Amino acid sequence: MSHSCLSHSDSVALAYALIWIIRSRHATLGPTTQENSMTLTPDQAQTIFDTAFAPWVRALDLTITDISKNGATLTMPITPDLTRMGDVLSGQALAAMADTAMVFACAGLFGQMKPVATTNLEVQFLRAGLGDLVVCEAQIVKPGRNLIFTRAVMRAEPLGKDIATATATFYLA
């Protein structure tokens, strides 16, 4: 019976190569909030939204008012196209707004738009969405090497009452 095995020096060389590969992958893929000096402005983020997002998401008329390494704030007018019986904002519009805001929170973390995939999204509807405008504040909860955990709070204006909260996990593609 013949066995093929590596010599000690070959094993050491292989171990060092694997360590180098892992460190290189971590350095290029993982969020580097301390090392990342790039910043994304609200105007730059708005341009990305206006040109790169699906038409049905753009139809929500979202405006990116703030973006930083910690999160993003978006607004959405409450219009007849987004409401259902009783002029109540639809849950689908709130869910899409929350997901989009948390995607931009990830972009703020990186200082640029990187491809992320929503792995889960949970929305809790607290009260009817009534008013003129929804403000969604999204935050980074925990950035990881491959997964980014986020949360969002949506508030109806002018009443200033929270109408929904959301959490999501994103995979850094």
N, C-alpha and C. Protein backbone atom coordinates (compact mmCIF):
# COMPACT_ATOMS: atom_id res chain seq x y z
N MET A 1 0.84 -1.17 0.00
CA MET A 1 0.00 0.00 0.00
C MET A 1 0.88 1.23 0.00
N SER A 2 0.66 2.10 -0.95
CA SER A 2 1.50 3.28 -1.08
C SER A 2 0.75 4.50 -0.56
N HIS A 3 1.43 5.32 0.23
CA HIS A 3 0.85 6.56 0.75
C HIS A 3 1.64 7.74 0.22
N SER A 4 0.93 8.76 -0.17
CA SER A 4 1.57 9.99 -0.61
C SER A 4 1.44 11.00 0.52
N CYS A 5 2.53 11.54 1.01
CA CYS A 5 2.43 12.54 2.06
C CYS A 5 3.46 13.63 1.81
N LEU A 6 3.20 14.77 2.42
CA LEU A 6 4.07 15.92 2.26
C LEU A 6 5.22 15.85 3.26
N SER A 7 6.33 16.36 2.84
CA SER A 7 7.46 16.46 3.77
C SER A 7 7.15 17.57 4.77
N HIS A 8 7.91 17.62 5.84
CA HIS A 8 7.70 18.65 6.86
C HIS A 8 7.84 20.04 6.26
N SER A 9 8.85 20.27 5.44
CA SER A 9 9.05 21.60 4.85
C SER A 9 7.93 21.96 3.89
N ASP A 10 7.40 20.95 3.15
CA ASP A 10 6.27 21.21 2.27
C ASP A 10 5.02 21.54 3.07
N SER A 11 4.80 20.87 4.19
CA SER A 11 3.65 21.14 5.06
C SER A 11 3.71 22.56 5.62
N VAL A 12 4.90 22.98 6.04
CA VAL A 12 5.07 24.33 6.58
C VAL A 12 4.80 25.36 5.49
N ALA A 13 5.32 25.11 4.29
CA ALA A 13 5.11 26.04 3.17
C ALA A 13 3.62 26.12 2.83
N LEU A 14 2.92 24.98 2.83
CA LEU A 14 1.49 24.96 2.55
C LEU A 14 0.73 25.74 3.62
N ALA A 15 1.08 25.56 4.87
CA ALA A 15 0.41 26.28 5.97
C ALA A 15 0.59 27.79 5.81
N TYR A 16 1.81 28.23 5.51
CA TYR A 16 2.05 29.66 5.30
C TYR A 16 1.26 30.20 4.11
N ALA A 17 1.17 29.40 3.05
CA ALA A 17 0.40 29.82 1.87
C ALA A 17 -1.07 29.98 2.22
N LEU A 18 -1.62 29.02 2.99
CA LEU A 18 -3.02 29.12 3.39
C LEU A 18 -3.27 30.33 4.28
N ILE A 19 -2.38 30.60 5.20
CA ILE A 19 -2.51 31.78 6.07
C ILE A 19 -2.48 33.05 5.22
N TRP A 20 -1.60 33.12 4.24
CA TRP A 20 -1.51 34.29 3.38
C TRP A 20 -2.81 34.47 2.59
N ILE A 21 -3.36 33.36 2.07
CA ILE A 21 -4.61 33.43 1.31
C ILE A 21 -5.74 33.92 2.20
N ILE A 22 -5.86 33.37 3.40
CA ILE A 22 -6.93 33.78 4.32
C ILE A 22 -6.78 35.24 4.68
N ARG A 23 -5.58 35.69 5.00
CA ARG A 23 -5.37 37.10 5.36
C ARG A 23 -5.66 38.01 4.17
N SER A 24 -5.26 37.60 2.98
CA SER A 24 -5.53 38.41 1.78
C SER A 24 -7.02 38.51 1.52
N ARG A 25 -7.73 37.40 1.66
CA ARG A 25 -9.17 37.41 1.44
C ARG A 25 -9.86 38.29 2.47
N HIS A 26 -9.46 38.19 3.72
CA HIS A 26 -10.06 39.01 4.77
C HIS A 26 -9.79 40.50 4.51
N ALA A 27 -8.60 40.82 4.08
CA ALA A 27 -8.25 42.23 3.85
C ALA A 27 -9.03 42.81 2.69
N THR A 28 -9.36 41.98 1.68
CA THR A 28 -10.05 42.53 0.51
C THR A 28 -11.57 42.45 0.61
N LEU A 29 -12.10 41.52 1.43
CA LEU A 29 -13.54 41.35 1.46
C LEU A 29 -14.21 41.94 2.70
N GLY A 30 -13.57 41.91 3.81
CA GLY A 30 -14.22 42.30 5.05
C GLY A 30 -14.37 43.80 5.19
N PRO A 31 -15.38 44.23 5.94
CA PRO A 31 -15.53 45.66 6.21
C PRO A 31 -14.35 46.16 7.01
N THR A 32 -13.81 47.28 6.60
CA THR A 32 -12.67 47.84 7.30
C THR A 32 -13.01 49.26 7.69
N THR A 33 -13.86 49.40 8.67
CA THR A 33 -14.36 50.72 9.01
C THR A 33 -13.26 51.62 9.56
N GLN A 34 -12.29 51.07 10.29
CA GLN A 34 -11.22 51.91 10.82
C GLN A 34 -10.24 52.31 9.72
N GLU A 35 -10.00 51.40 8.78
CA GLU A 35 -9.01 51.67 7.73
C GLU A 35 -9.60 52.40 6.53
N ASN A 36 -10.91 52.32 6.35
CA ASN A 36 -11.55 52.86 5.16
C ASN A 36 -11.71 54.38 5.30
N SER A 37 -11.00 55.11 4.45
CA SER A 37 -11.09 56.56 4.50
C SER A 37 -12.09 57.11 3.48
N MET A 38 -12.69 56.22 2.68
CA MET A 38 -13.66 56.68 1.69
C MET A 38 -14.97 57.04 2.38
N THR A 39 -15.59 58.08 1.90
CA THR A 39 -16.92 58.43 2.41
C THR A 39 -17.85 58.60 1.22
N LEU A 40 -19.09 58.36 1.47
CA LEU A 40 -20.13 58.49 0.45
C LEU A 40 -21.03 59.62 0.90
N THR A 41 -21.25 60.60 0.05
CA THR A 41 -22.11 61.72 0.40
C THR A 41 -23.56 61.38 0.07
N PRO A 42 -24.51 62.08 0.67
CA PRO A 42 -25.91 61.86 0.31
C PRO A 42 -26.18 62.07 -1.18
N ASP A 43 -25.53 63.07 -1.79
CA ASP A 43 -25.73 63.31 -3.23
C ASP A 43 -25.22 62.15 -4.06
N GLN A 44 -24.04 61.62 -3.71
CA GLN A 44 -23.50 60.47 -4.45
C GLN A 44 -24.40 59.25 -4.27
N ALA A 45 -24.87 59.03 -3.04
CA ALA A 45 -25.77 57.90 -2.78
C ALA A 45 -27.07 58.06 -3.57
N GLN A 46 -27.59 59.28 -3.63
CA GLN A 46 -28.83 59.53 -4.38
C GLN A 46 -28.65 59.23 -5.86
N THR A 47 -27.50 59.60 -6.40
CA THR A 47 -27.20 59.30 -7.81
C THR A 47 -27.18 57.80 -8.04
N ILE A 48 -26.58 57.05 -7.13
CA ILE A 48 -26.56 55.59 -7.25
C ILE A 48 -27.99 55.06 -7.22
N PHE A 49 -28.79 55.54 -6.29
CA PHE A 49 -30.18 55.11 -6.20
C PHE A 49 -30.92 55.42 -7.50
N ASP A 50 -30.78 56.65 -7.99
CA ASP A 50 -31.52 57.10 -9.17
C ASP A 50 -31.12 56.38 -10.46
N THR A 51 -29.92 55.83 -10.50
CA THR A 51 -29.43 55.21 -11.74
C THR A 51 -29.30 53.70 -11.68
N ALA A 52 -29.17 53.12 -10.49
CA ALA A 52 -28.83 51.69 -10.42
C ALA A 52 -29.92 50.82 -9.81
N PHE A 53 -30.94 51.40 -9.20
CA PHE A 53 -31.97 50.59 -8.56
C PHE A 53 -33.11 50.31 -9.53
N ALA A 54 -33.87 49.27 -9.24
CA ALA A 54 -34.98 48.85 -10.11
C ALA A 54 -36.03 49.96 -10.19
N PRO A 55 -36.68 50.08 -11.34
CA PRO A 55 -37.69 51.13 -11.52
C PRO A 55 -38.79 51.11 -10.45
N TRP A 56 -39.24 49.94 -10.01
CA TRP A 56 -40.31 49.90 -9.02
C TRP A 56 -39.84 50.41 -7.66
N VAL A 57 -38.53 50.27 -7.34
CA VAL A 57 -37.99 50.82 -6.10
C VAL A 57 -37.85 52.34 -6.24
N ARG A 58 -37.39 52.78 -7.41
CA ARG A 58 -37.26 54.23 -7.65
C ARG A 58 -38.63 54.91 -7.60
N ALA A 59 -39.69 54.17 -7.95
CA ALA A 59 -41.05 54.74 -7.93
C ALA A 59 -41.50 55.11 -6.51
N LEU A 60 -40.79 54.62 -5.49
CA LEU A 60 -41.10 55.00 -4.11
C LEU A 60 -40.70 56.44 -3.81
N ASP A 61 -39.92 57.05 -4.71
CA ASP A 61 -39.49 58.45 -4.58
C ASP A 61 -38.68 58.67 -3.29
N LEU A 62 -37.76 57.75 -3.02
CA LEU A 62 -36.91 57.85 -1.82
C LEU A 62 -35.86 58.93 -2.00
N THR A 63 -35.58 59.65 -0.92
CA THR A 63 -34.52 60.65 -0.89
C THR A 63 -33.55 60.28 0.22
N ILE A 64 -32.27 60.23 -0.11
CA ILE A 64 -31.23 59.93 0.88
C ILE A 64 -30.78 61.25 1.48
N THR A 65 -31.13 61.46 2.75
CA THR A 65 -30.84 62.74 3.40
C THR A 65 -29.56 62.71 4.22
N ASP A 66 -29.12 61.50 4.62
CA ASP A 66 -27.90 61.39 5.42
C ASP A 66 -27.31 60.01 5.22
N ILE A 67 -25.98 59.93 5.22
CA ILE A 67 -25.29 58.65 5.11
C ILE A 67 -23.94 58.78 5.80
N SER A 68 -23.60 57.76 6.58
CA SER A 68 -22.32 57.76 7.29
C SER A 68 -21.89 56.31 7.49
N LYS A 69 -20.77 56.12 8.14
CA LYS A 69 -20.28 54.76 8.42
C LYS A 69 -21.18 54.02 9.40
N ASN A 70 -22.06 54.75 10.09
CA ASN A 70 -22.95 54.14 11.07
C ASN A 70 -24.35 53.85 10.54
N GLY A 71 -24.73 54.48 9.42
CA GLY A 71 -26.08 54.26 8.92
C GLY A 71 -26.48 55.23 7.84
N ALA A 72 -27.77 55.23 7.55
CA ALA A 72 -28.32 56.10 6.52
C ALA A 72 -29.74 56.49 6.88
N THR A 73 -30.14 57.68 6.44
CA THR A 73 -31.51 58.17 6.64
C THR A 73 -32.12 58.46 5.28
N LEU A 74 -33.32 57.91 5.06
CA LEU A 74 -34.05 58.13 3.82
C LEU A 74 -35.44 58.64 4.14
N THR A 75 -36.02 59.38 3.22
CA THR A 75 -37.40 59.83 3.36
C THR A 75 -38.21 59.34 2.16
N MET A 76 -39.52 59.21 2.39
CA MET A 76 -40.44 58.78 1.35
C MET A 76 -41.76 59.52 1.53
N PRO A 77 -42.21 60.22 0.50
CA PRO A 77 -43.52 60.88 0.62
C PRO A 77 -44.64 59.84 0.63
N ILE A 78 -45.65 60.10 1.44
CA ILE A 78 -46.83 59.22 1.45
C ILE A 78 -47.77 59.76 0.38
N THR A 79 -47.90 59.00 -0.70
CA THR A 79 -48.69 59.41 -1.86
C THR A 79 -49.85 58.43 -2.07
N PRO A 80 -50.85 58.84 -2.84
CA PRO A 80 -51.97 57.92 -3.12
C PRO A 80 -51.53 56.60 -3.77
N ASP A 81 -50.43 56.63 -4.54
CA ASP A 81 -49.95 55.40 -5.18
C ASP A 81 -49.43 54.38 -4.16
N LEU A 82 -49.08 54.84 -2.96
CA LEU A 82 -48.50 53.94 -1.96
C LEU A 82 -49.46 53.60 -0.83
N THR A 83 -50.67 54.12 -0.90
CA THR A 83 -51.62 53.87 0.19
C THR A 83 -52.70 52.89 -0.24
N ARG A 84 -53.35 52.35 0.76
CA ARG A 84 -54.48 51.45 0.53
C ARG A 84 -55.71 52.09 1.14
N MET A 85 -56.76 51.32 1.32
CA MET A 85 -58.01 51.84 1.89
C MET A 85 -57.74 52.65 3.16
N GLY A 86 -58.39 53.78 3.27
CA GLY A 86 -58.22 54.62 4.46
C GLY A 86 -56.97 55.48 4.43
N ASP A 87 -56.34 55.60 3.26
CA ASP A 87 -55.13 56.40 3.09
C ASP A 87 -53.98 55.94 3.99
N VAL A 88 -53.95 54.63 4.29
CA VAL A 88 -52.89 54.06 5.11
C VAL A 88 -51.77 53.56 4.19
N LEU A 89 -50.54 53.92 4.52
CA LEU A 89 -49.38 53.49 3.74
C LEU A 89 -49.29 51.97 3.74
N SER A 90 -49.01 51.39 2.57
CA SER A 90 -48.95 49.93 2.45
C SER A 90 -47.69 49.37 3.11
N GLY A 91 -47.83 48.18 3.66
CA GLY A 91 -46.70 47.51 4.29
C GLY A 91 -45.60 47.18 3.29
N GLN A 92 -45.98 46.89 2.06
CA GLN A 92 -44.97 46.57 1.03
C GLN A 92 -44.04 47.74 0.79
N ALA A 93 -44.61 48.95 0.76
CA ALA A 93 -43.78 50.15 0.56
C ALA A 93 -42.83 50.34 1.73
N LEU A 94 -43.32 50.12 2.96
CA LEU A 94 -42.45 50.26 4.14
C LEU A 94 -41.34 49.22 4.13
N ALA A 95 -41.66 47.98 3.77
CA ALA A 95 -40.64 46.93 3.73
C ALA A 95 -39.56 47.24 2.70
N ALA A 96 -39.98 47.70 1.51
CA ALA A 96 -39.01 48.05 0.47
C ALA A 96 -38.16 49.25 0.90
N MET A 97 -38.78 50.22 1.55
CA MET A 97 -38.03 51.38 2.04
C MET A 97 -36.99 50.95 3.07
N ALA A 98 -37.40 50.12 4.02
CA ALA A 98 -36.48 49.66 5.06
C ALA A 98 -35.31 48.90 4.46
N ASP A 99 -35.58 47.98 3.55
CA ASP A 99 -34.52 47.20 2.91
C ASP A 99 -33.55 48.13 2.18
N THR A 100 -34.08 49.08 1.44
CA THR A 100 -33.23 50.02 0.68
C THR A 100 -32.41 50.88 1.63
N ALA A 101 -33.00 51.36 2.70
CA ALA A 101 -32.26 52.18 3.67
C ALA A 101 -31.12 51.39 4.30
N MET A 102 -31.38 50.11 4.61
CA MET A 102 -30.33 49.30 5.22
C MET A 102 -29.23 48.94 4.22
N VAL A 103 -29.58 48.83 2.93
CA VAL A 103 -28.55 48.66 1.89
C VAL A 103 -27.65 49.89 1.86
N PHE A 104 -28.25 51.08 1.95
CA PHE A 104 -27.43 52.30 1.95
C PHE A 104 -26.65 52.46 3.24
N ALA A 105 -27.14 51.92 4.35
CA ALA A 105 -26.34 51.90 5.57
C ALA A 105 -25.07 51.08 5.35
N CYS A 106 -25.20 49.94 4.64
CA CYS A 106 -24.03 49.13 4.29
C CYS A 106 -23.07 49.92 3.40
N ALA A 107 -23.63 50.63 2.42
CA ALA A 107 -22.78 51.44 1.53
C ALA A 107 -22.05 52.52 2.33
N GLY A 108 -22.73 53.12 3.29
CA GLY A 108 -22.08 54.11 4.14
C GLY A 108 -20.94 53.50 4.94
N LEU A 109 -21.13 52.28 5.42
CA LEU A 109 -20.09 51.58 6.16
C LEU A 109 -18.83 51.45 5.32
N PHE A 110 -19.00 51.10 4.04
CA PHE A 110 -17.86 50.89 3.15
C PHE A 110 -17.36 52.17 2.49
N GLY A 111 -18.17 53.22 2.51
CA GLY A 111 -17.78 54.44 1.81
C GLY A 111 -17.99 54.34 0.32
N GLN A 112 -18.67 53.30 -0.12
CA GLN A 112 -18.97 53.07 -1.53
C GLN A 112 -20.03 51.98 -1.62
N MET A 113 -20.69 51.90 -2.77
CA MET A 113 -21.69 50.87 -2.96
C MET A 113 -20.97 49.58 -3.30
N LYS A 114 -21.22 48.54 -2.50
CA LYS A 114 -20.71 47.20 -2.77
C LYS A 114 -21.92 46.28 -2.88
N PRO A 115 -21.79 45.22 -3.66
CA PRO A 115 -22.93 44.32 -3.79
C PRO A 115 -23.19 43.58 -2.48
N VAL A 116 -24.41 43.73 -1.96
CA VAL A 116 -24.85 42.99 -0.79
C VAL A 116 -26.17 42.32 -1.14
N ALA A 117 -26.40 41.17 -0.53
CA ALA A 117 -27.64 40.43 -0.76
C ALA A 117 -28.38 40.31 0.57
N THR A 118 -29.65 40.63 0.54
CA THR A 118 -30.47 40.50 1.74
C THR A 118 -30.68 39.01 2.01
N THR A 119 -30.21 38.54 3.18
CA THR A 119 -30.41 37.12 3.52
C THR A 119 -31.66 36.94 4.36
N ASN A 120 -32.04 37.96 5.11
CA ASN A 120 -33.32 37.95 5.80
C ASN A 120 -33.76 39.38 6.07
N LEU A 121 -35.06 39.56 6.12
CA LEU A 121 -35.66 40.86 6.39
C LEU A 121 -36.90 40.61 7.23
N GLU A 122 -36.97 41.27 8.38
CA GLU A 122 -38.15 41.14 9.23
C GLU A 122 -38.66 42.54 9.54
N VAL A 123 -39.96 42.73 9.32
CA VAL A 123 -40.57 44.04 9.55
C VAL A 123 -41.68 43.87 10.60
N GLN A 124 -41.68 44.77 11.56
CA GLN A 124 -42.74 44.81 12.56
C GLN A 124 -43.53 46.09 12.34
N PHE A 125 -44.81 45.95 12.04
CA PHE A 125 -45.67 47.10 11.81
C PHE A 125 -46.29 47.49 13.15
N LEU A 126 -46.05 48.73 13.58
CA LEU A 126 -46.47 49.17 14.91
C LEU A 126 -47.80 49.90 14.91
N ARG A 127 -48.05 50.70 13.89
CA ARG A 127 -49.31 51.45 13.79
C ARG A 127 -49.49 51.87 12.33
N ALA A 128 -50.66 52.36 12.03
CA ALA A 128 -50.98 52.78 10.66
C ALA A 128 -50.04 53.90 10.22
N GLY A 129 -49.60 53.81 8.98
CA GLY A 129 -48.74 54.84 8.40
C GLY A 129 -49.58 55.96 7.83
N LEU A 130 -49.80 56.98 8.64
CA LEU A 130 -50.60 58.14 8.23
C LEU A 130 -49.72 59.38 8.30
N GLY A 131 -49.93 60.29 7.38
CA GLY A 131 -49.17 61.55 7.39
C GLY A 131 -48.75 61.94 6.00
N ASP A 132 -47.68 62.73 5.94
CA ASP A 132 -47.18 63.26 4.67
C ASP A 132 -45.89 62.59 4.21
N LEU A 133 -45.10 62.10 5.17
CA LEU A 133 -43.73 61.67 4.87
C LEU A 133 -43.33 60.59 5.86
N VAL A 134 -42.53 59.63 5.39
CA VAL A 134 -41.93 58.64 6.28
C VAL A 134 -40.43 58.90 6.31
N VAL A 135 -39.86 58.91 7.51
CA VAL A 135 -38.42 59.02 7.70
C VAL A 135 -37.94 57.66 8.18
N CYS A 136 -36.96 57.10 7.50
CA CYS A 136 -36.41 55.80 7.87
C CYS A 136 -34.94 55.98 8.26
N GLU A 137 -34.63 55.66 9.51
CA GLU A 137 -33.26 55.74 10.00
C GLU A 137 -32.73 54.32 10.13
N ALA A 138 -31.73 53.99 9.31
CA ALA A 138 -31.13 52.65 9.30
C ALA A 138 -29.76 52.72 9.94
N GLN A 139 -29.44 51.70 10.72
CA GLN A 139 -28.15 51.65 11.42
C GLN A 139 -27.45 50.32 11.18
N ILE A 140 -26.14 50.39 11.22
CA ILE A 140 -25.33 49.17 11.24
C ILE A 140 -25.30 48.68 12.68
N VAL A 141 -25.73 47.46 12.91
CA VAL A 141 -25.69 46.88 14.26
C VAL A 141 -24.36 46.19 14.50
N LYS A 142 -23.97 45.33 13.54
CA LYS A 142 -22.71 44.60 13.67
C LYS A 142 -22.19 44.26 12.28
N PRO A 143 -21.06 44.86 11.92
CA PRO A 143 -20.45 44.47 10.64
C PRO A 143 -19.54 43.26 10.86
N GLY A 144 -19.67 42.28 9.99
CA GLY A 144 -18.79 41.12 10.04
C GLY A 144 -18.03 41.01 8.73
N ARG A 145 -17.24 39.95 8.62
CA ARG A 145 -16.44 39.78 7.41
C ARG A 145 -17.32 39.47 6.21
N ASN A 146 -18.36 38.64 6.40
CA ASN A 146 -19.25 38.28 5.30
C ASN A 146 -20.70 38.69 5.53
N LEU A 147 -21.09 38.90 6.79
CA LEU A 147 -22.47 39.25 7.11
C LEU A 147 -22.50 40.60 7.83
N ILE A 148 -23.51 41.40 7.48
CA ILE A 148 -23.69 42.71 8.11
C ILE A 148 -25.10 42.73 8.69
N PHE A 149 -25.20 43.02 9.98
CA PHE A 149 -26.48 43.06 10.67
C PHE A 149 -26.92 44.51 10.81
N THR A 150 -28.18 44.77 10.47
CA THR A 150 -28.70 46.14 10.44
C THR A 150 -30.07 46.20 11.10
N ARG A 151 -30.50 47.45 11.40
CA ARG A 151 -31.87 47.68 11.88
C ARG A 151 -32.33 49.03 11.36
N ALA A 152 -33.65 49.20 11.34
CA ALA A 152 -34.23 50.46 10.86
C ALA A 152 -35.48 50.78 11.65
N VAL A 153 -35.73 52.07 11.79
CA VAL A 153 -36.96 52.57 12.42
C VAL A 153 -37.60 53.53 11.44
N MET A 154 -38.89 53.35 11.19
CA MET A 154 -39.63 54.22 10.28
C MET A 154 -40.64 55.04 11.08
N ARG A 155 -40.62 56.34 10.83
CA ARG A 155 -41.43 57.31 11.59
C ARG A 155 -42.26 58.11 10.61
N ALA A 156 -43.55 58.28 10.92
CA ALA A 156 -44.44 59.09 10.08
C ALA A 156 -44.39 60.53 10.55
N GLU A 157 -44.28 61.43 9.59
CA GLU A 157 -44.29 62.87 9.88
C GLU A 157 -45.55 63.46 9.26
N PRO A 158 -46.16 64.43 9.85
CA PRO A 158 -45.64 65.32 10.90
C PRO A 158 -45.90 64.85 12.33
N LEU A 159 -46.56 63.69 12.52
CA LEU A 159 -46.88 63.25 13.88
C LEU A 159 -45.65 62.83 14.68
N GLY A 160 -44.60 62.37 14.00
CA GLY A 160 -43.39 61.96 14.69
C GLY A 160 -43.52 60.64 15.42
N LYS A 161 -44.44 59.79 14.99
CA LYS A 161 -44.66 58.50 15.66
C LYS A 161 -44.04 57.38 14.84
N ASP A 162 -43.38 56.44 15.56
CA ASP A 162 -42.83 55.26 14.90
C ASP A 162 -43.98 54.41 14.37
N ILE A 163 -43.85 54.00 13.09
CA ILE A 163 -44.90 53.18 12.49
C ILE A 163 -44.41 51.76 12.20
N ALA A 164 -43.09 51.57 12.12
CA ALA A 164 -42.56 50.23 11.85
C ALA A 164 -41.09 50.18 12.22
N THR A 165 -40.62 48.96 12.51
CA THR A 165 -39.20 48.72 12.72
C THR A 165 -38.83 47.53 11.83
N ALA A 166 -37.56 47.40 11.53
CA ALA A 166 -37.11 46.29 10.69
C ALA A 166 -35.69 45.89 11.09
N THR A 167 -35.39 44.64 10.87
CA THR A 167 -34.02 44.15 10.99
C THR A 167 -33.71 43.37 9.72
N ALA A 168 -32.44 43.37 9.35
CA ALA A 168 -32.02 42.62 8.16
C ALA A 168 -30.57 42.20 8.32
N THR A 169 -30.26 41.11 7.65
CA THR A 169 -28.88 40.64 7.55
C THR A 169 -28.53 40.64 6.08
N PHE A 170 -27.34 41.14 5.79
CA PHE A 170 -26.86 41.22 4.40
C PHE A 170 -25.60 40.40 4.25
N TYR A 171 -25.51 39.70 3.13
CA TYR A 171 -24.31 38.95 2.76
C TYR A 171 -23.50 39.82 1.83
N LEU A 172 -22.23 40.00 2.16
CA LEU A 172 -21.34 40.76 1.30
C LEU A 172 -20.94 39.87 0.12
N ALA A 173 -21.54 40.15 -1.03
CA ALA A 173 -21.33 39.30 -2.21
C ALA A 173 -19.98 39.55 -2.87
